[in-house]
């Protein structure tokens, strides 16, 4: 009986911690998606999503999703975007970092 109660308490504690971590990670993911959205909008300037997408083989629906922060982009898409803006991937990431909160980290410290 004691072992059973201990196992139940452990399982509840584990689920609570797992759920809490998942919520924190979702919040951090949303911060990143919002930073990507702001960066793409800023760098795109007045060029339409359609024109940017047509020139660099990026579907305008993907650009729309990115700018609305509703989808996590593929790595290849980030490379295409960097190239579309005349940047290396590291320069693009530097631009993206400007939109993140100071000392932002995905990992818990």
Foldseek 3Di string as FASTA:
>chain_A
DVVVVVVVVVVVVVVVVVVVLVVLLVVLLLLLLQLQLVLLPVLCDPPQLPVLCVVQVNDSVNNVCSNVSNDDDDPVVLCSSCVSSVHGSVVSVVSSVVSHPPPDDSDDD
